[in-house]
Amino acid sequence: MTWTTSTDTGGSGLAGYEVTRTSAGADPVVTASTGASLAVTGLAPERTYQFTVWALDGAGNRSAASAALSVTTPAGPAPDTTPPTAPGTPTAAAVGPTGLTLAWGRPPTRRASPPTASTGAGTSWSARPPAPRWR
């Protein structure tokens, strides 16, 4: 956001600006700026904010408030709600008293690293598949 710069005729010089952000149901947020602009981050989508600016001089004097600026943020991108496809049915091999090797088929929607073993029933990996290489 930007605004027209202020002037100080009292001799102490312009020190900066104070910007107040308000929105319904939230405490005001006060930010300092040394120039006539401010990058505002951390806003919520689909919410209305009001911004008011005051000039401050080197003697600690505060100007009258600017006219308020009202801004409504747009909706954000739709969230990804589509889950990945299910992996193949797990199978167990080399079952011992304290461990086993778990294997399953890879999902059909991506290409992964080559399997570590192949059986007549399908692809299998050791208990932790290799990291996928996306293509």
N, C-alpha and C. Protein backbone atom coordinates (compact mmCIF):
# COMPACT_ATOMS: atom_id res chain seq x y z
N MET A 1 0.83 -1.16 0.00
CA MET A 1 0.00 0.00 0.00
C MET A 1 0.88 1.23 0.00
N THR A 2 0.42 2.29 -0.60
CA THR A 2 1.19 3.53 -0.68
C THR A 2 0.32 4.71 -0.27
N TRP A 3 0.97 5.83 0.05
CA TRP A 3 0.25 7.06 0.39
C TRP A 3 1.13 8.25 0.03
N THR A 4 0.54 9.43 0.02
CA THR A 4 1.27 10.65 -0.27
C THR A 4 2.12 11.01 0.94
N THR A 5 3.36 11.42 0.70
CA THR A 5 4.25 11.76 1.81
C THR A 5 3.76 13.00 2.55
N SER A 6 4.09 13.07 3.81
CA SER A 6 3.76 14.22 4.65
C SER A 6 4.94 15.18 4.68
N THR A 7 4.70 16.38 5.15
CA THR A 7 5.78 17.35 5.37
C THR A 7 5.74 17.79 6.82
N ASP A 8 6.88 18.24 7.32
CA ASP A 8 6.96 18.75 8.69
C ASP A 8 7.56 20.14 8.63
N THR A 9 6.79 21.13 9.08
CA THR A 9 7.27 22.52 9.05
C THR A 9 7.76 22.99 10.41
N GLY A 10 7.75 22.12 11.41
CA GLY A 10 8.15 22.51 12.76
C GLY A 10 9.64 22.47 13.01
N GLY A 11 10.42 21.94 12.09
CA GLY A 11 11.85 21.97 12.25
C GLY A 11 12.49 20.66 12.68
N SER A 12 11.72 19.73 13.24
CA SER A 12 12.33 18.47 13.70
C SER A 12 12.42 17.44 12.60
N GLY A 13 11.74 17.64 11.50
CA GLY A 13 11.80 16.72 10.37
C GLY A 13 10.85 15.54 10.53
N LEU A 14 10.49 15.01 9.41
CA LEU A 14 9.59 13.86 9.39
C LEU A 14 10.35 12.61 9.81
N ALA A 15 9.84 11.87 10.79
CA ALA A 15 10.52 10.68 11.30
C ALA A 15 10.00 9.40 10.66
N GLY A 16 8.75 9.37 10.26
CA GLY A 16 8.18 8.16 9.67
C GLY A 16 6.67 8.15 9.80
N TYR A 17 6.13 6.95 9.68
CA TYR A 17 4.68 6.79 9.67
C TYR A 17 4.28 5.64 10.57
N GLU A 18 3.07 5.74 11.07
CA GLU A 18 2.46 4.67 11.85
C GLU A 18 1.24 4.21 11.06
N VAL A 19 1.15 2.93 10.79
CA VAL A 19 0.03 2.36 10.03
C VAL A 19 -0.73 1.42 10.95
N THR A 20 -2.04 1.63 11.03
CA THR A 20 -2.88 0.76 11.84
C THR A 20 -3.80 -0.05 10.93
N ARG A 21 -3.80 -1.35 11.16
CA ARG A 21 -4.68 -2.27 10.41
C ARG A 21 -5.73 -2.78 11.38
N THR A 22 -7.00 -2.69 10.99
CA THR A 22 -8.09 -3.23 11.79
C THR A 22 -8.96 -4.13 10.92
N SER A 23 -9.60 -5.09 11.55
CA SER A 23 -10.57 -5.94 10.89
C SER A 23 -11.53 -6.46 11.95
N ALA A 24 -12.72 -6.82 11.53
CA ALA A 24 -13.75 -7.27 12.46
C ALA A 24 -13.27 -8.46 13.28
N GLY A 25 -13.45 -8.37 14.58
CA GLY A 25 -13.13 -9.49 15.47
C GLY A 25 -11.64 -9.66 15.75
N ALA A 26 -10.81 -8.72 15.35
CA ALA A 26 -9.37 -8.85 15.59
C ALA A 26 -8.84 -7.58 16.24
N ASP A 27 -7.78 -7.72 17.02
CA ASP A 27 -7.13 -6.57 17.63
C ASP A 27 -6.42 -5.76 16.55
N PRO A 28 -6.34 -4.44 16.72
CA PRO A 28 -5.60 -3.62 15.75
C PRO A 28 -4.12 -4.01 15.71
N VAL A 29 -3.53 -3.89 14.54
CA VAL A 29 -2.11 -4.16 14.35
C VAL A 29 -1.46 -2.85 13.94
N VAL A 30 -0.44 -2.41 14.68
CA VAL A 30 0.26 -1.16 14.40
C VAL A 30 1.64 -1.49 13.86
N THR A 31 2.00 -0.85 12.73
CA THR A 31 3.28 -1.09 12.08
C THR A 31 3.93 0.26 11.78
N ALA A 32 5.24 0.33 11.89
CA ALA A 32 5.97 1.55 11.56
C ALA A 32 6.55 1.45 10.16
N SER A 33 6.64 2.60 9.48
CA SER A 33 7.24 2.67 8.15
C SER A 33 8.03 3.96 8.06
N THR A 34 9.18 3.91 7.43
CA THR A 34 9.96 5.14 7.25
C THR A 34 9.68 5.79 5.90
N GLY A 35 9.06 5.07 4.99
CA GLY A 35 8.73 5.61 3.67
C GLY A 35 7.22 5.67 3.48
N ALA A 36 6.83 6.06 2.26
CA ALA A 36 5.41 6.24 1.96
C ALA A 36 4.80 4.98 1.33
N SER A 37 5.27 3.82 1.76
CA SER A 37 4.67 2.56 1.31
C SER A 37 4.94 1.50 2.35
N LEU A 38 4.16 0.44 2.29
CA LEU A 38 4.30 -0.65 3.24
C LEU A 38 3.81 -1.94 2.58
N ALA A 39 4.63 -2.97 2.60
CA ALA A 39 4.19 -4.29 2.13
C ALA A 39 3.47 -4.96 3.30
N VAL A 40 2.23 -5.33 3.08
CA VAL A 40 1.40 -5.92 4.13
C VAL A 40 1.25 -7.41 3.82
N THR A 41 1.64 -8.25 4.77
CA THR A 41 1.54 -9.70 4.59
C THR A 41 0.76 -10.30 5.75
N GLY A 42 0.46 -11.58 5.67
CA GLY A 42 -0.20 -12.29 6.76
C GLY A 42 -1.70 -12.05 6.82
N LEU A 43 -2.30 -11.62 5.72
CA LEU A 43 -3.74 -11.38 5.71
C LEU A 43 -4.49 -12.67 5.40
N ALA A 44 -5.71 -12.75 5.86
CA ALA A 44 -6.56 -13.92 5.60
C ALA A 44 -7.38 -13.68 4.33
N PRO A 45 -7.66 -14.73 3.57
CA PRO A 45 -8.50 -14.56 2.38
C PRO A 45 -9.95 -14.22 2.77
N GLU A 46 -10.61 -13.51 1.87
CA GLU A 46 -12.02 -13.14 2.02
C GLU A 46 -12.31 -12.41 3.33
N ARG A 47 -11.46 -11.45 3.64
CA ARG A 47 -11.63 -10.67 4.87
C ARG A 47 -11.42 -9.20 4.53
N THR A 48 -12.18 -8.32 5.19
CA THR A 48 -12.06 -6.89 4.96
C THR A 48 -11.17 -6.26 6.03
N TYR A 49 -10.23 -5.44 5.57
CA TYR A 49 -9.29 -4.75 6.45
C TYR A 49 -9.40 -3.25 6.21
N GLN A 50 -9.19 -2.47 7.28
CA GLN A 50 -9.12 -1.03 7.17
C GLN A 50 -7.71 -0.60 7.58
N PHE A 51 -7.13 0.32 6.81
CA PHE A 51 -5.79 0.83 7.07
C PHE A 51 -5.87 2.34 7.26
N THR A 52 -5.21 2.84 8.31
CA THR A 52 -5.13 4.27 8.58
C THR A 52 -3.66 4.60 8.83
N VAL A 53 -3.22 5.77 8.31
CA VAL A 53 -1.81 6.17 8.41
C VAL A 53 -1.71 7.50 9.16
N TRP A 54 -0.71 7.61 10.02
CA TRP A 54 -0.36 8.85 10.72
C TRP A 54 1.09 9.15 10.42
N ALA A 55 1.43 10.43 10.30
CA ALA A 55 2.83 10.85 10.16
C ALA A 55 3.36 11.18 11.55
N LEU A 56 4.64 10.90 11.75
CA LEU A 56 5.32 11.21 13.02
C LEU A 56 6.54 12.07 12.71
N ASP A 57 6.79 13.09 13.56
CA ASP A 57 7.99 13.90 13.34
C ASP A 57 9.04 13.59 14.41
N GLY A 58 10.21 14.18 14.24
CA GLY A 58 11.32 13.92 15.15
C GLY A 58 11.08 14.37 16.58
N ALA A 59 10.11 15.27 16.79
CA ALA A 59 9.80 15.74 18.15
C ALA A 59 8.73 14.89 18.83
N GLY A 60 8.26 13.84 18.14
CA GLY A 60 7.25 12.97 18.72
C GLY A 60 5.82 13.38 18.45
N ASN A 61 5.63 14.40 17.60
CA ASN A 61 4.28 14.84 17.25
C ASN A 61 3.67 13.88 16.25
N ARG A 62 2.35 13.70 16.36
CA ARG A 62 1.61 12.80 15.49
C ARG A 62 0.59 13.61 14.70
N SER A 63 0.51 13.38 13.41
CA SER A 63 -0.44 14.10 12.55
C SER A 63 -1.86 13.60 12.79
N ALA A 64 -2.80 14.29 12.15
CA ALA A 64 -4.16 13.77 12.09
C ALA A 64 -4.11 12.49 11.24
N ALA A 65 -5.08 11.64 11.42
CA ALA A 65 -5.13 10.38 10.68
C ALA A 65 -5.50 10.61 9.22
N SER A 66 -4.97 9.76 8.36
CA SER A 66 -5.39 9.77 6.96
C SER A 66 -6.83 9.27 6.90
N ALA A 67 -7.43 9.43 5.75
CA ALA A 67 -8.70 8.75 5.52
C ALA A 67 -8.42 7.25 5.54
N ALA A 68 -9.37 6.48 6.01
CA ALA A 68 -9.17 5.02 6.08
C ALA A 68 -9.30 4.41 4.69
N LEU A 69 -8.46 3.43 4.44
CA LEU A 69 -8.53 2.63 3.21
C LEU A 69 -9.13 1.29 3.60
N SER A 70 -10.18 0.88 2.90
CA SER A 70 -10.82 -0.42 3.15
C SER A 70 -10.49 -1.35 2.00
N VAL A 71 -9.97 -2.53 2.32
CA VAL A 71 -9.57 -3.51 1.31
C VAL A 71 -10.13 -4.86 1.70
N THR A 72 -10.75 -5.56 0.75
CA THR A 72 -11.20 -6.93 0.97
C THR A 72 -10.32 -7.86 0.16
N THR A 73 -9.70 -8.81 0.84
CA THR A 73 -8.82 -9.76 0.15
C THR A 73 -9.66 -10.77 -0.62
N PRO A 74 -9.15 -11.23 -1.77
CA PRO A 74 -9.90 -12.22 -2.55
C PRO A 74 -9.80 -13.61 -1.92
N ALA A 75 -10.62 -14.50 -2.43
CA ALA A 75 -10.55 -15.90 -1.98
C ALA A 75 -9.22 -16.50 -2.42
N GLY A 76 -8.68 -17.37 -1.61
CA GLY A 76 -7.44 -18.06 -1.96
C GLY A 76 -7.75 -19.21 -2.91
N PRO A 77 -6.70 -19.90 -3.37
CA PRO A 77 -6.93 -21.05 -4.25
C PRO A 77 -7.67 -22.15 -3.50
N ALA A 78 -8.45 -22.89 -4.23
CA ALA A 78 -9.19 -24.01 -3.63
C ALA A 78 -8.19 -25.04 -3.10
N PRO A 79 -8.46 -25.59 -1.93
CA PRO A 79 -7.53 -26.58 -1.39
C PRO A 79 -7.59 -27.88 -2.20
N ASP A 80 -6.49 -28.58 -2.22
CA ASP A 80 -6.43 -29.89 -2.88
C ASP A 80 -7.13 -30.89 -1.96
N THR A 81 -8.28 -31.37 -2.38
CA THR A 81 -9.03 -32.33 -1.56
C THR A 81 -9.07 -33.72 -2.18
N THR A 82 -8.32 -33.91 -3.28
CA THR A 82 -8.29 -35.20 -3.96
C THR A 82 -7.15 -36.04 -3.40
N PRO A 83 -7.46 -37.16 -2.76
CA PRO A 83 -6.38 -37.99 -2.21
C PRO A 83 -5.66 -38.76 -3.32
N PRO A 84 -4.43 -39.17 -3.07
CA PRO A 84 -3.75 -40.01 -4.06
C PRO A 84 -4.44 -41.37 -4.15
N THR A 85 -4.12 -42.10 -5.21
CA THR A 85 -4.70 -43.44 -5.33
C THR A 85 -4.11 -44.35 -4.26
N ALA A 86 -4.84 -45.39 -3.94
CA ALA A 86 -4.37 -46.34 -2.92
C ALA A 86 -3.26 -47.21 -3.48
N PRO A 87 -2.26 -47.53 -2.69
CA PRO A 87 -1.24 -48.46 -3.15
C PRO A 87 -1.82 -49.87 -3.26
N GLY A 88 -1.04 -50.75 -3.85
CA GLY A 88 -1.50 -52.14 -3.96
C GLY A 88 -1.62 -52.80 -2.60
N THR A 89 -2.22 -53.96 -2.57
CA THR A 89 -2.40 -54.71 -1.33
C THR A 89 -1.06 -55.15 -0.76
N PRO A 90 -0.81 -54.86 0.52
CA PRO A 90 0.47 -55.27 1.11
C PRO A 90 0.59 -56.79 1.22
N THR A 91 1.82 -57.25 1.11
CA THR A 91 2.13 -58.66 1.35
C THR A 91 3.35 -58.72 2.27
N ALA A 92 3.47 -59.79 3.00
CA ALA A 92 4.60 -59.97 3.91
C ALA A 92 5.48 -61.10 3.40
N ALA A 93 6.79 -60.89 3.51
CA ALA A 93 7.76 -61.91 3.12
C ALA A 93 8.85 -61.95 4.17
N ALA A 94 9.61 -63.01 4.18
CA ALA A 94 10.71 -63.18 5.14
C ALA A 94 10.25 -62.88 6.56
N VAL A 95 9.11 -63.45 6.94
CA VAL A 95 8.57 -63.20 8.27
C VAL A 95 9.40 -63.95 9.30
N GLY A 96 9.94 -63.22 10.24
CA GLY A 96 10.75 -63.81 11.30
C GLY A 96 10.19 -63.42 12.65
N PRO A 97 10.79 -63.88 13.73
CA PRO A 97 10.27 -63.60 15.06
C PRO A 97 10.27 -62.11 15.41
N THR A 98 11.16 -61.30 14.79
CA THR A 98 11.22 -59.89 15.17
C THR A 98 11.11 -58.94 13.98
N GLY A 99 10.77 -59.43 12.81
CA GLY A 99 10.67 -58.53 11.67
C GLY A 99 10.16 -59.23 10.44
N LEU A 100 9.93 -58.48 9.40
CA LEU A 100 9.46 -58.99 8.13
C LEU A 100 9.74 -57.98 7.05
N THR A 101 9.57 -58.38 5.82
CA THR A 101 9.66 -57.46 4.70
C THR A 101 8.26 -57.25 4.18
N LEU A 102 7.85 -55.99 4.16
CA LEU A 102 6.51 -55.63 3.69
C LEU A 102 6.63 -55.14 2.26
N ALA A 103 5.73 -55.56 1.39
CA ALA A 103 5.76 -55.17 -0.02
C ALA A 103 4.36 -54.81 -0.48
N TRP A 104 4.29 -53.91 -1.47
CA TRP A 104 3.01 -53.52 -2.05
C TRP A 104 3.28 -52.99 -3.45
N GLY A 105 2.24 -52.96 -4.26
CA GLY A 105 2.37 -52.42 -5.61
C GLY A 105 2.37 -50.90 -5.56
N ARG A 106 3.07 -50.28 -6.49
CA ARG A 106 3.10 -48.82 -6.50
C ARG A 106 1.79 -48.26 -7.09
N PRO A 107 1.45 -47.06 -6.69
CA PRO A 107 0.24 -46.45 -7.25
C PRO A 107 0.41 -46.25 -8.76
N PRO A 108 -0.63 -46.38 -9.52
CA PRO A 108 -0.51 -46.27 -10.97
C PRO A 108 -0.40 -44.84 -11.49
N THR A 109 -0.53 -43.80 -10.64
CA THR A 109 -0.56 -42.42 -11.13
C THR A 109 0.80 -41.76 -11.22
N ARG A 110 1.87 -42.42 -10.85
CA ARG A 110 3.20 -41.82 -10.95
C ARG A 110 4.21 -42.90 -11.30
N ARG A 111 5.37 -42.47 -11.77
CA ARG A 111 6.46 -43.39 -12.04
C ARG A 111 7.43 -43.28 -10.89
N ALA A 112 7.72 -44.37 -10.24
CA ALA A 112 8.65 -44.37 -9.11
C ALA A 112 9.95 -45.04 -9.54
N SER A 113 10.89 -45.09 -8.61
CA SER A 113 12.16 -45.76 -8.87
C SER A 113 11.90 -47.22 -9.18
N PRO A 114 12.80 -47.86 -9.87
CA PRO A 114 12.61 -49.28 -10.17
C PRO A 114 12.43 -50.09 -8.89
N PRO A 115 11.59 -51.09 -8.92
CA PRO A 115 11.38 -51.90 -7.72
C PRO A 115 12.65 -52.65 -7.33
N THR A 116 12.72 -53.01 -6.05
CA THR A 116 13.89 -53.75 -5.58
C THR A 116 13.72 -55.24 -5.85
N ALA A 117 12.52 -55.68 -6.07
CA ALA A 117 12.28 -57.09 -6.37
C ALA A 117 10.98 -57.20 -7.15
N SER A 118 10.81 -58.26 -7.86
CA SER A 118 9.57 -58.47 -8.59
C SER A 118 9.12 -59.90 -8.37
N THR A 119 7.84 -60.06 -8.13
CA THR A 119 7.28 -61.40 -7.96
C THR A 119 6.28 -61.63 -9.07
N GLY A 120 5.86 -62.84 -9.21
CA GLY A 120 4.85 -63.14 -10.22
C GLY A 120 3.53 -62.44 -9.94
N ALA A 121 3.29 -62.03 -8.69
CA ALA A 121 2.03 -61.40 -8.31
C ALA A 121 2.06 -59.88 -8.50
N GLY A 122 3.21 -59.28 -8.77
CA GLY A 122 3.27 -57.83 -8.94
C GLY A 122 4.57 -57.27 -8.41
N THR A 123 4.64 -55.99 -8.34
CA THR A 123 5.84 -55.30 -7.90
C THR A 123 5.90 -55.27 -6.38
N SER A 124 7.09 -55.39 -5.84
CA SER A 124 7.23 -55.30 -4.40
C SER A 124 8.45 -54.49 -4.04
N TRP A 125 8.40 -53.88 -2.87
CA TRP A 125 9.52 -53.12 -2.34
C TRP A 125 9.84 -53.68 -0.98
N SER A 126 11.03 -53.37 -0.51
CA SER A 126 11.31 -53.69 0.88
C SER A 126 10.47 -52.74 1.73
N ALA A 127 10.56 -52.82 3.04
CA ALA A 127 9.66 -52.09 3.92
C ALA A 127 9.61 -50.60 3.63
N ARG A 128 10.64 -50.02 3.04
CA ARG A 128 10.61 -48.59 2.70
C ARG A 128 10.94 -48.45 1.23
N PRO A 129 9.94 -48.00 0.41
CA PRO A 129 10.20 -47.89 -1.04
C PRO A 129 11.20 -46.79 -1.32
N PRO A 130 11.88 -46.89 -2.45
CA PRO A 130 12.80 -45.82 -2.82
C PRO A 130 12.01 -44.54 -3.09
N ALA A 131 12.69 -43.40 -2.98
CA ALA A 131 12.04 -42.12 -3.25
C ALA A 131 11.61 -42.08 -4.71
N PRO A 132 10.41 -41.54 -4.98
CA PRO A 132 9.94 -41.49 -6.37
C PRO A 132 10.73 -40.47 -7.18
N ARG A 133 10.89 -40.76 -8.47
CA ARG A 133 11.45 -39.81 -9.40
C ARG A 133 10.33 -39.41 -10.32
N TRP A 134 9.85 -38.17 -10.18
CA TRP A 134 8.70 -37.70 -10.95
C TRP A 134 9.13 -37.42 -12.39
N ARG A 135 8.29 -37.83 -13.33
CA ARG A 135 8.58 -37.58 -14.74
C ARG A 135 7.39 -36.94 -15.40
